[in-house]
């Protein structure tokens, strides 16, 4: 423990603090811009670290990773345009809060929850990395398949008032996820002869279209609006209270633990963690409007998706197995600086590893301070006339969609999903189940395909094995609870009304 504290002190040098600040600020900006993902930001800026010492280079990239995870919530809350796919769940509660004049409150909660989620995950990274990484290897194809199916059961809680519509949207998302190359047979499917569709539907253009472009189209019918001076005064008078820092301690810890566990499972990420944590939070919350403008909903999502940062680093640093695309890029940065993932990072090379982890703590503190004291300034974006804001959002959406792969086809995908999302909203269909289908479809398909390959292509053997694997059985129990609980609470609420 004394050695760890000594190495933590090494992070508090002038150059490391400066790089942590710079990386966090750049990360927040990248995260807030639709389509500019943490993966892109790190990939583009890795060459900047070539001339730096290994510790300093990793400090910069790690701070950028943390900052970008929080940055995605800013645009999700203010303009219903998730900067990252991990922030899509945050928009469910964050944007309704903005519509009701509580943007500052939502941004404050996002900053605080992000801080606690990130810090708790880094504690796990320090003390639980080896055993947790070993646990991740218990997740075989069947477990990954069941994890994805468990995620899909969240559709029930999102659509309890109209389950049929929710299931339709979830199935639509699963069908769209099938576009591209078959992972087993290696054949193109549902591409209609279009070469750019062979790579599948990219998540970011789809999310941008469903959330931001559909919102822009919905704003076209509204007249030009003038900024409300009373709202400006409200933002200027907003203050951060001590209670804001610890408003939902149980929620922060519970969501962070979920984010850590999901983060160490290769192939998952912040988007899955956010929806799972939001669904679990709905089971324990006392807020009636949870899912439609509840502050605790923002806390659940942001604590979980920022806890994924530490969770994904556990298998990356200890086993050399990246938890997601972003940590895959970070893994490349490690090798560039001559560092080999494994037990050696925590023994012979701990003089580099522990200052790097300490710098992530520093980045989380900087991120929270920027979020808390910048919230009132971020919130002023909502006072921009909607016609001007819509043009800016559409321009950023087009730029972000094109920048991902430099492919005009992604821009068309974004526009198609935007038009589809507009009509879905008009006829009161929830677009979130589509996003869930897009995220979890490939994970479920890959897990099922691998399980079939390992079990002589026998579906009966695969289904039978689900009941003999402890983790699968536990996930099945959670699935039943996840599906049944929303209907139980709805029945309980109706019964309470009848008694009155």
Protein backbone atom coordinates (compact mmCIF):
# COMPACT_ATOMS: atom_id res chain seq x y z
CA UNK A 1 0.00 0.00 0.00
CA UNK A 2 2.89 2.34 0.82
CA UNK A 3 4.39 1.69 -2.62
CA UNK A 4 1.08 2.52 -4.28
CA UNK A 5 0.86 5.85 -2.43
CA UNK A 6 4.45 6.65 -3.42
CA UNK A 7 3.75 6.00 -7.08
CA UNK A 8 0.51 7.95 -6.84
CA UNK A 9 2.57 10.92 -5.68
CA UNK A 10 4.57 10.69 -8.91
CA UNK A 11 1.44 11.62 -10.85
CA UNK A 12 1.33 15.06 -9.20
CA UNK A 13 4.12 16.55 -11.28
CA UNK A 14 3.58 19.72 -13.27
CA UNK A 15 3.67 18.03 -16.68
CA UNK A 16 1.32 15.23 -15.64
CA UNK A 17 -1.22 17.64 -14.13
CA UNK A 18 -1.07 19.81 -17.25
CA UNK A 19 -1.54 16.81 -19.56
CA UNK A 20 -4.42 15.50 -17.39
CA UNK A 21 -6.14 18.90 -17.63
CA UNK A 22 -5.54 19.16 -21.38
CA UNK A 23 -6.68 15.58 -22.04
CA UNK A 24 -9.84 15.99 -19.96
CA UNK A 25 -10.86 19.23 -21.68
CA UNK A 26 -10.22 17.83 -25.16
CA UNK A 27 -12.05 14.64 -24.19
CA UNK A 28 -15.13 16.56 -23.00
CA UNK A 29 -15.23 18.50 -26.28
CA UNK A 30 -14.83 15.31 -28.36
CA UNK A 31 -17.49 13.50 -26.32
CA UNK A 32 -19.96 16.38 -26.64
CA UNK A 33 -19.66 16.52 -30.45
CA UNK A 34 -22.05 14.02 -32.08
CA UNK A 35 -20.14 11.27 -33.87
CA UNK A 36 -16.70 12.13 -32.50
CA UNK A 37 -16.21 9.08 -30.30
CA UNK A 38 -13.53 8.45 -27.61
CA UNK A 39 -12.04 5.82 -29.93
CA UNK A 40 -11.59 8.38 -32.71
CA UNK A 41 -10.13 10.97 -30.35
CA UNK A 42 -7.54 8.59 -28.89
CA UNK A 43 -6.65 7.15 -32.30
CA UNK A 44 -6.08 10.62 -33.76
CA UNK A 45 -4.05 11.90 -30.80
CA UNK A 46 -1.81 8.87 -30.14
CA UNK A 47 0.95 10.35 -32.39
CA UNK A 48 1.05 13.37 -30.06
CA UNK A 49 2.34 11.09 -27.27
CA UNK A 50 5.25 9.60 -29.26
CA UNK A 51 7.73 12.19 -27.97
CA UNK A 52 6.45 12.02 -24.37
CA UNK A 53 7.59 9.75 -21.56
CA UNK A 54 5.43 6.60 -21.27
CA UNK A 55 3.74 7.81 -18.07
CA UNK A 56 2.99 11.27 -19.48
CA UNK A 57 1.66 9.84 -22.74
CA UNK A 58 -0.66 7.42 -20.97
CA UNK A 59 -1.83 10.17 -18.58
CA UNK A 60 -2.91 12.28 -21.54
CA UNK A 61 -4.73 9.44 -23.32
CA UNK A 62 -6.38 8.17 -20.12
CA UNK A 63 -7.66 11.65 -19.24
CA UNK A 64 -9.02 12.01 -22.77
CA UNK A 65 -10.87 8.68 -22.35
CA UNK A 66 -12.47 9.77 -19.04
CA UNK A 67 -13.39 13.23 -20.30
CA UNK A 68 -15.03 11.97 -23.47
CA UNK A 69 -17.27 9.55 -21.55
CA UNK A 70 -18.68 12.48 -19.56
CA UNK A 71 -18.76 14.84 -22.55
CA UNK A 72 -21.33 12.70 -24.34
CA UNK A 73 -23.89 13.49 -21.63
CA UNK A 74 -23.72 17.26 -22.25
CA UNK A 75 -25.23 17.18 -25.74
CA UNK A 76 -27.56 14.31 -24.73
CA UNK A 77 -29.02 16.41 -21.92
CA UNK A 78 -29.15 19.78 -23.67
CA UNK A 79 -30.23 18.96 -27.23
CA UNK A 80 -31.21 15.27 -27.08
CA UNK A 81 -28.19 14.42 -29.24
CA UNK A 82 -25.96 11.86 -27.49
CA UNK A 83 -22.34 12.73 -28.16
CA UNK A 84 -21.48 9.05 -27.66
CA UNK A 85 -23.63 5.93 -27.87
CA UNK A 86 -23.01 5.41 -24.14
CA UNK A 87 -24.91 8.65 -23.44
CA UNK A 88 -28.06 7.59 -25.33
CA UNK A 89 -29.63 6.27 -22.12
CA UNK A 90 -28.83 9.54 -20.33
CA UNK A 91 -31.04 11.42 -22.80
CA UNK A 92 -34.12 9.52 -21.56
CA UNK A 93 -34.13 11.52 -18.32
CA UNK A 94 -31.68 14.33 -19.09
CA UNK A 95 -33.49 15.90 -22.04
CA UNK A 96 -36.95 15.94 -20.36
CA UNK A 97 -35.25 17.74 -17.45
CA UNK A 98 -33.95 20.34 -19.89
CA UNK A 99 -37.44 20.75 -21.37
CA UNK A 100 -38.79 21.45 -17.90
CA UNK A 101 -36.10 24.09 -17.20
CA UNK A 102 -33.82 21.85 -15.11
CA UNK A 103 -30.84 21.66 -17.48
CA UNK A 104 -28.38 22.94 -14.86
CA UNK A 105 -29.60 20.31 -12.39
CA UNK A 106 -29.20 17.51 -14.95
CA UNK A 107 -25.69 18.62 -15.96
CA UNK A 108 -24.63 18.90 -12.31
CA UNK A 109 -25.86 15.38 -11.59
CA UNK A 110 -24.14 14.03 -14.71
CA UNK A 111 -20.80 15.50 -13.55
CA UNK A 112 -21.13 14.18 -9.99
CA UNK A 113 -22.33 10.70 -11.03
CA UNK A 114 -19.56 10.48 -13.65
CA UNK A 115 -16.99 11.33 -10.97
CA UNK A 116 -18.21 8.69 -8.53
CA UNK A 117 -18.56 6.04 -11.23
CA UNK A 118 -15.05 6.69 -12.52
CA UNK A 119 -13.45 6.74 -9.05
CA UNK A 120 -15.16 3.56 -7.84
CA UNK A 121 -14.09 1.73 -11.00
CA UNK A 122 -10.48 2.83 -10.50
CA UNK A 123 -10.52 1.43 -6.95
CA UNK A 124 -11.59 -1.87 -8.51
CA UNK A 125 -8.80 -1.53 -11.07
CA UNK A 126 -6.18 -1.20 -8.34
CA UNK A 127 -7.32 -3.85 -5.87
CA UNK A 128 -9.48 -6.27 -7.83
CA UNK A 129 -7.90 -6.36 -11.28
CA UNK A 130 -6.48 -9.92 -11.28
CA UNK A 131 -9.52 -11.73 -9.77
CA UNK A 132 -12.05 -9.71 -11.79
CA UNK A 133 -10.11 -10.30 -14.99
CA UNK A 134 -10.08 -14.01 -14.22
CA UNK A 135 -13.86 -13.89 -13.68
CA UNK A 136 -14.27 -12.34 -17.15
CA UNK A 137 -12.88 -15.55 -18.66
CA UNK A 138 -15.81 -17.43 -17.13
CA UNK A 139 -17.96 -15.68 -19.73
CA UNK A 140 -18.00 -18.09 -22.63
CA UNK A 141 -20.19 -17.85 -25.74
CA UNK A 142 -23.31 -18.96 -23.85
CA UNK A 143 -22.77 -16.35 -21.12
CA UNK A 144 -22.26 -13.55 -23.65
CA UNK A 145 -25.40 -14.66 -25.48
CA UNK A 146 -27.42 -14.65 -22.25
CA UNK A 147 -25.97 -11.28 -21.26
CA UNK A 148 -27.21 -9.81 -24.54
CA UNK A 149 -30.65 -11.40 -24.13
CA UNK A 150 -30.80 -10.05 -20.58
CA UNK A 151 -30.11 -6.60 -21.99
CA UNK A 152 -32.97 -7.01 -24.46
CA UNK A 153 -35.41 -7.69 -21.60
CA UNK A 154 -34.99 -4.01 -20.68
CA UNK A 155 -37.41 -3.34 -23.53
CA UNK A 156 -40.18 -4.55 -21.20
CA UNK A 157 -39.47 -1.79 -18.68
CA UNK A 158 -39.12 0.84 -21.40
CA UNK A 159 -42.45 -0.09 -23.00
CA UNK A 160 -44.61 -1.26 -20.11
CA UNK A 161 -47.54 0.91 -21.28
CA UNK A 162 -47.36 -0.49 -24.79
CA UNK A 163 -45.30 -3.67 -24.86
CA UNK A 164 -46.28 -4.55 -28.44
CA UNK A 165 -44.83 -1.32 -29.81
CA UNK A 166 -41.67 -1.81 -27.75
CA UNK A 167 -41.19 -5.37 -28.99
CA UNK A 168 -41.76 -4.24 -32.57
CA UNK A 169 -39.05 -1.60 -32.24
CA UNK A 170 -36.69 -4.07 -30.54
CA UNK A 171 -37.19 -6.60 -33.35
CA UNK A 172 -36.61 -3.84 -35.91
CA UNK A 173 -33.29 -3.06 -34.21
CA UNK A 174 -32.30 -6.74 -34.29
CA UNK A 175 -33.14 -6.96 -38.00
CA UNK A 176 -31.11 -3.85 -38.81
CA UNK A 177 -28.20 -5.32 -36.81
CA UNK A 178 -28.21 -8.30 -39.21
CA UNK A 179 -27.24 -6.09 -42.16
CA UNK A 180 -23.67 -6.79 -43.30
CA UNK A 181 -21.49 -9.89 -43.35
CA UNK A 182 -22.64 -13.12 -41.75
CA UNK A 183 -20.11 -13.77 -38.92
CA UNK A 184 -20.22 -17.56 -39.47
CA UNK A 185 -20.69 -18.09 -43.21
CA UNK A 186 -18.89 -14.92 -44.30
CA UNK A 187 -21.63 -13.99 -46.80
CA UNK A 188 -23.24 -10.62 -47.36
CA UNK A 189 -26.85 -10.34 -46.23
CA UNK A 190 -29.49 -7.61 -46.57
CA UNK A 191 -27.01 -5.32 -48.33
CA UNK A 192 -29.14 -4.94 -51.52
CA UNK A 193 -25.98 -4.75 -53.60
CA UNK A 194 -24.59 -1.75 -51.70
CA UNK A 195 -20.90 -2.21 -50.92
CA UNK A 196 -20.84 0.21 -47.97
CA UNK A 197 -23.51 -1.87 -46.19
CA UNK A 198 -21.21 -4.92 -46.12
CA UNK A 199 -19.61 -3.46 -43.00
CA UNK A 200 -23.00 -3.29 -41.32
CA UNK A 201 -24.92 -0.33 -39.95
CA UNK A 202 -22.56 1.78 -37.88
CA UNK A 203 -23.97 2.52 -34.44
CA UNK A 204 -23.08 6.22 -34.26
CA UNK A 205 -24.87 7.41 -37.46
CA UNK A 206 -27.93 5.39 -36.44
CA UNK A 207 -28.02 6.88 -32.94
CA UNK A 208 -27.42 10.41 -34.27
CA UNK A 209 -30.27 9.97 -36.74
CA UNK A 210 -32.75 8.53 -34.23
CA UNK A 211 -32.07 11.12 -31.55
CA UNK A 212 -30.82 14.33 -33.14
CA UNK A 213 -32.02 14.44 -36.76
CA UNK A 214 -35.52 13.31 -35.74
CA UNK A 215 -35.51 16.13 -33.17
CA UNK A 216 -34.42 18.64 -35.82
CA UNK A 217 -37.22 17.52 -38.15
CA UNK A 218 -39.67 17.87 -35.29
CA UNK A 219 -38.52 21.46 -34.69
CA UNK A 220 -39.18 22.53 -38.31
CA UNK A 221 -42.85 23.20 -37.57
CA UNK A 222 -42.04 25.46 -34.61
CA UNK A 223 -41.78 29.26 -35.03
CA UNK A 224 -38.58 31.20 -34.35
CA UNK A 225 -38.15 31.53 -30.59
CA UNK A 226 -36.49 34.30 -28.61
CA UNK A 227 -34.35 33.61 -25.56
CA UNK A 228 -36.22 33.88 -22.27
CA UNK A 229 -34.53 36.43 -19.99
CA UNK A 230 -36.01 34.84 -16.89
CA UNK A 231 -34.32 31.57 -17.86
CA UNK A 232 -30.98 33.35 -18.24
CA UNK A 233 -31.38 34.78 -14.73
CA UNK A 234 -32.25 31.29 -13.49
CA UNK A 235 -28.99 29.82 -14.87
CA UNK A 236 -26.90 32.68 -13.46
CA UNK A 237 -28.39 32.23 -10.00
CA UNK A 238 -27.93 28.45 -9.99
CA UNK A 239 -25.64 27.22 -7.23
CA UNK A 240 -23.97 23.89 -6.48
CA UNK A 241 -24.78 22.69 -2.95
CA UNK A 242 -22.88 20.17 -0.86
CA UNK A 243 -25.85 17.80 -1.06
CA UNK A 244 -25.40 17.65 -4.85
CA UNK A 245 -22.12 15.78 -4.37
CA UNK A 246 -23.69 12.86 -2.48
CA UNK A 247 -27.37 12.99 -3.39
CA UNK A 248 -27.67 9.31 -4.45
CA UNK A 249 -24.79 7.37 -2.79
CA UNK A 250 -26.45 3.96 -3.11
CA UNK A 251 -27.29 4.62 -6.75
CA UNK A 252 -23.70 5.66 -7.52
CA UNK A 253 -22.26 2.52 -5.94
CA UNK A 254 -24.83 0.12 -7.42
CA UNK A 255 -24.54 1.54 -10.94
CA UNK A 256 -20.74 1.70 -10.72
CA UNK A 257 -20.54 -1.97 -9.73
CA UNK A 258 -22.76 -2.88 -12.68
CA UNK A 259 -20.56 -0.76 -14.98
CA UNK A 260 -17.38 -2.44 -13.71
CA UNK A 261 -18.75 -5.96 -14.19
CA UNK A 262 -20.11 -5.20 -17.66
CA UNK A 263 -16.91 -3.33 -18.57
CA UNK A 264 -14.64 -6.31 -17.93
CA UNK A 265 -16.70 -8.51 -20.27
CA UNK A 266 -15.10 -8.13 -23.73
CA UNK A 267 -17.48 -6.86 -26.40
CA UNK A 268 -19.76 -4.88 -24.11
CA UNK A 269 -19.38 -1.24 -23.14
CA UNK A 270 -20.85 1.95 -21.71
CA UNK A 271 -24.03 1.77 -23.79
CA UNK A 272 -24.98 -1.67 -22.42
CA UNK A 273 -24.00 -0.65 -18.88
CA UNK A 274 -26.11 2.53 -19.03
CA UNK A 275 -29.30 0.73 -20.04
CA UNK A 276 -28.79 -2.10 -17.55
CA UNK A 277 -28.09 0.34 -14.69
CA UNK A 278 -31.10 2.46 -15.68
CA UNK A 279 -33.33 -0.61 -15.68
CA UNK A 280 -32.04 -1.79 -12.30
CA UNK A 281 -32.40 1.74 -10.92
CA UNK A 282 -36.04 1.76 -11.98
CA UNK A 283 -36.65 -1.24 -9.70
CA UNK A 284 -35.39 0.61 -6.61
CA UNK A 285 -36.31 4.23 -7.26
CA UNK A 286 -38.99 6.18 -5.42
CA UNK A 287 -39.22 8.86 -8.12
CA UNK A 288 -42.47 8.54 -10.07
CA UNK A 289 -41.15 10.13 -13.27
CA UNK A 290 -38.09 7.86 -13.50
CA UNK A 291 -37.32 7.45 -17.20
CA UNK A 292 -39.01 10.69 -18.14
CA UNK A 293 -37.14 13.48 -16.38
CA UNK A 294 -35.84 12.03 -13.09
CA UNK A 295 -32.51 13.23 -11.73
CA UNK A 296 -31.79 9.76 -10.36
CA UNK A 297 -32.14 8.36 -13.88
CA UNK A 298 -29.24 10.57 -15.02
CA UNK A 299 -27.23 9.39 -11.99
CA UNK A 300 -27.78 5.72 -12.86
CA UNK A 301 -26.65 6.08 -16.47
CA UNK A 302 -23.66 8.35 -15.92
CA UNK A 303 -22.27 6.44 -12.95
CA UNK A 304 -22.49 3.18 -14.92
CA UNK A 305 -21.01 4.33 -18.22
CA UNK A 306 -18.11 6.12 -16.53
CA UNK A 307 -17.42 3.07 -14.35
CA UNK A 308 -16.91 1.17 -17.59
CA UNK A 309 -13.65 3.12 -18.11
CA UNK A 310 -11.99 1.36 -15.17
CA UNK A 311 -13.76 -1.91 -15.90
CA UNK A 312 -12.52 -2.13 -19.47
CA UNK A 313 -8.96 -1.33 -18.35
CA UNK A 314 -8.89 -4.38 -16.05
CA UNK A 315 -8.65 -7.05 -18.78
CA UNK A 316 -6.65 -4.65 -20.97
CA UNK A 317 -3.85 -4.10 -18.46
CA UNK A 318 -3.79 -7.53 -16.83
CA UNK A 319 -4.50 -9.87 -19.73
CA UNK A 320 -3.95 -7.81 -22.87
CA UNK A 321 -7.62 -8.38 -23.81
CA UNK A 322 -9.27 -5.02 -24.65
CA UNK A 323 -12.74 -4.61 -23.18
CA UNK A 324 -13.93 -2.42 -26.07
CA UNK A 325 -12.73 -0.55 -29.15
CA UNK A 326 -11.36 2.38 -27.14
CA UNK A 327 -9.20 0.21 -24.90
CA UNK A 328 -8.04 -1.66 -28.01
CA UNK A 329 -6.56 1.66 -29.18
CA UNK A 330 -5.09 2.23 -25.70
CA UNK A 331 -3.56 -1.25 -25.88
CA UNK A 332 -1.81 -0.14 -29.06
CA UNK A 333 -0.56 2.94 -27.23
CA UNK A 334 0.91 0.71 -24.50
CA UNK A 335 2.89 -1.31 -27.03
CA UNK A 336 4.08 1.86 -28.77
CA UNK A 337 5.64 2.93 -25.47
CA UNK A 338 7.23 -0.48 -24.94
CA UNK A 339 4.80 -1.73 -22.28
CA UNK A 340 3.54 -5.30 -22.34
CA UNK A 341 0.15 -5.97 -20.69
CA UNK A 342 0.19 -8.56 -17.94
CA UNK A 343 1.28 -9.09 -14.39
CA UNK A 344 4.50 -7.21 -15.10
CA UNK A 345 2.63 -3.91 -15.38
CA UNK A 346 1.78 -4.20 -11.68
CA UNK A 347 5.25 -5.39 -10.61
CA UNK A 348 8.33 -4.49 -12.66
CA UNK A 349 6.64 -1.59 -14.46
CA UNK A 350 4.47 -0.33 -11.60
CA UNK A 351 6.34 2.98 -11.63
CA UNK A 352 4.46 3.68 -14.87
CA UNK A 353 1.17 1.88 -14.22
CA UNK A 354 0.24 3.36 -10.84
CA UNK A 355 0.98 7.00 -11.80
CA UNK A 356 -1.19 6.38 -14.87
CA UNK A 357 -4.07 5.15 -12.65
CA UNK A 358 -3.54 8.08 -10.26
CA UNK A 359 -3.75 10.47 -13.20
CA UNK A 360 -7.14 8.98 -14.05
CA UNK A 361 -8.30 10.00 -10.57
CA UNK A 362 -6.99 13.50 -11.25
CA UNK A 363 -8.82 13.52 -14.58
CA UNK A 364 -12.08 12.55 -12.84
CA UNK A 365 -11.68 15.41 -10.35
CA UNK A 366 -10.97 17.89 -13.16
CA UNK A 367 -13.93 16.50 -15.10
CA UNK A 368 -16.26 17.01 -12.13
CA UNK A 369 -15.04 20.57 -11.49
CA UNK A 370 -15.51 21.49 -15.15
CA UNK A 371 -18.97 19.90 -15.09
CA UNK A 372 -20.05 21.63 -11.88
CA UNK A 373 -18.77 25.11 -12.62
CA UNK A 374 -19.39 24.95 -16.35
CA UNK A 375 -22.95 23.60 -16.09
CA UNK A 376 -24.59 27.03 -16.00
CA UNK A 377 -22.65 28.03 -19.11
CA UNK A 378 -23.38 24.76 -20.93
CA UNK A 379 -27.06 25.19 -20.09
CA UNK A 380 -27.19 28.51 -21.96
CA UNK A 381 -27.17 26.45 -25.17
CA UNK A 382 -30.84 25.70 -24.49
CA UNK A 383 -31.65 29.42 -24.82
CA UNK A 384 -30.51 29.50 -28.44
CA UNK A 385 -33.48 29.87 -30.83
CA UNK A 386 -34.47 26.41 -31.99
CA UNK A 387 -34.11 27.18 -35.70
CA UNK A 388 -30.46 28.26 -35.23
CA UNK A 389 -29.74 25.39 -32.86
CA UNK A 390 -31.32 22.90 -35.29
CA UNK A 391 -29.04 24.05 -38.13
CA UNK A 392 -25.96 23.71 -35.90
CA UNK A 393 -27.04 20.25 -34.70
CA UNK A 394 -27.69 19.07 -38.25
CA UNK A 395 -24.27 20.32 -39.43
CA UNK A 396 -22.48 18.62 -36.53
CA UNK A 397 -24.48 15.44 -37.13
CA UNK A 398 -23.47 15.32 -40.79
CA UNK A 399 -19.82 16.05 -39.96
CA UNK A 400 -19.77 13.46 -37.17
CA UNK A 401 -21.40 10.74 -39.26
CA UNK A 402 -19.01 11.31 -42.17
CA UNK A 403 -15.90 11.53 -39.95
CA UNK A 404 -16.35 8.04 -38.48
CA UNK A 405 -15.29 6.18 -41.64
CA UNK A 406 -15.01 8.94 -44.22
CA UNK A 407 -18.00 7.37 -45.97
CA UNK A 408 -20.90 9.36 -47.44
CA UNK A 409 -23.01 6.21 -47.01
CA UNK A 410 -22.99 6.78 -43.23
CA UNK A 411 -24.52 10.22 -43.79
CA UNK A 412 -27.36 8.64 -45.77
CA UNK A 413 -27.80 6.06 -43.00
CA UNK A 414 -28.08 8.90 -40.49
CA UNK A 415 -30.71 10.70 -42.60
CA UNK A 416 -32.74 7.52 -43.12
CA UNK A 417 -32.77 6.80 -39.38
CA UNK A 418 -33.59 10.46 -38.73
CA UNK A 419 -36.68 10.37 -40.95
CA UNK A 420 -37.71 7.00 -39.47
CA UNK A 421 -37.20 8.36 -35.95
CA UNK A 422 -39.34 11.42 -36.75
CA UNK A 423 -42.32 9.27 -37.80
CA UNK A 424 -41.80 6.93 -34.82
CA UNK A 425 -42.00 9.86 -32.44
CA UNK A 426 -45.04 11.21 -34.27
CA UNK A 427 -46.88 7.91 -33.75
CA UNK A 428 -45.55 7.52 -30.18
CA UNK A 429 -43.11 4.67 -30.78
CA UNK A 430 -40.13 4.54 -28.44
CA UNK A 431 -36.85 4.63 -30.42
CA UNK A 432 -34.71 3.34 -27.54
CA UNK A 433 -35.58 -0.36 -28.15
CA UNK A 434 -34.15 0.01 -31.67
CA UNK A 435 -30.86 1.22 -30.21
CA UNK A 436 -30.85 -1.73 -27.80
CA UNK A 437 -31.42 -4.12 -30.69
CA UNK A 438 -28.56 -2.55 -32.65
CA UNK A 439 -26.17 -2.76 -29.68
CA UNK A 440 -27.05 -6.21 -28.39
CA UNK A 441 -27.93 -7.98 -31.66
CA UNK A 442 -24.32 -8.55 -32.81
CA UNK A 443 -23.26 -9.63 -29.29
CA UNK A 444 -26.09 -12.17 -29.08
CA UNK A 445 -25.47 -13.45 -32.60
CA UNK A 446 -21.74 -13.84 -32.08
CA UNK A 447 -22.24 -15.67 -28.78
CA UNK A 448 -24.88 -18.01 -30.22
CA UNK A 449 -22.79 -18.72 -33.34
CA UNK A 450 -19.72 -19.60 -31.29
CA UNK A 451 -21.79 -21.75 -28.94
CA UNK A 452 -23.24 -23.67 -31.91
CA UNK A 453 -19.77 -24.18 -33.39
CA UNK A 454 -18.50 -25.59 -30.09
CA UNK A 455 -21.55 -27.86 -29.71
CA UNK A 456 -21.62 -29.59 -33.12
CA UNK A 457 -24.15 -27.05 -34.48
CA UNK A 458 -26.79 -28.58 -32.22
CA UNK A 459 -29.27 -26.01 -30.92
CA UNK A 460 -30.63 -28.49 -28.38
CA UNK A 461 -27.15 -28.96 -26.87
CA UNK A 462 -26.66 -25.19 -26.65
CA UNK A 463 -30.05 -24.61 -25.01
CA UNK A 464 -29.40 -27.49 -22.61
CA UNK A 465 -26.01 -26.08 -21.63
CA UNK A 466 -27.65 -22.80 -20.60
CA UNK A 467 -29.27 -24.58 -17.65
CA UNK A 468 -26.01 -26.20 -16.50
CA UNK A 469 -23.82 -23.07 -16.43
CA UNK A 470 -24.17 -21.09 -13.16
CA UNK A 471 -23.73 -17.63 -14.69
CA UNK A 472 -26.39 -18.38 -17.34
CA UNK A 473 -28.82 -19.52 -14.64
CA UNK A 474 -28.23 -16.33 -12.64
CA UNK A 475 -28.80 -14.24 -15.77
CA UNK A 476 -32.05 -16.12 -16.43
CA UNK A 477 -33.27 -15.24 -12.94
CA UNK A 478 -32.39 -11.59 -13.56
CA UNK A 479 -34.23 -11.74 -16.89
CA UNK A 480 -37.43 -12.97 -15.23
CA UNK A 481 -37.17 -10.22 -12.60
CA UNK A 482 -36.41 -7.59 -15.26
CA UNK A 483 -39.48 -8.55 -17.31
CA UNK A 484 -41.88 -9.10 -14.41
CA UNK A 485 -41.00 -6.14 -12.18
CA UNK A 486 -42.30 -3.31 -14.45
CA UNK A 487 -45.64 -5.09 -14.84
CA UNK A 488 -45.80 -5.71 -11.11
CA UNK A 489 -45.21 -2.02 -10.32
CA UNK A 490 -47.81 -1.02 -12.93
CA UNK A 491 -50.34 -3.44 -11.42
CA UNK A 492 -49.54 -2.19 -7.93
CA UNK A 493 -50.01 1.44 -8.99
CA UNK A 494 -53.40 0.70 -10.60
CA UNK A 495 -54.54 -1.24 -7.54
CA UNK A 496 -53.54 1.71 -5.35
CA UNK A 497 -55.63 4.06 -7.51
CA UNK A 498 -58.65 1.75 -7.24
CA UNK A 499 -58.45 1.69 -3.45
CA UNK A 500 -58.50 5.49 -3.42
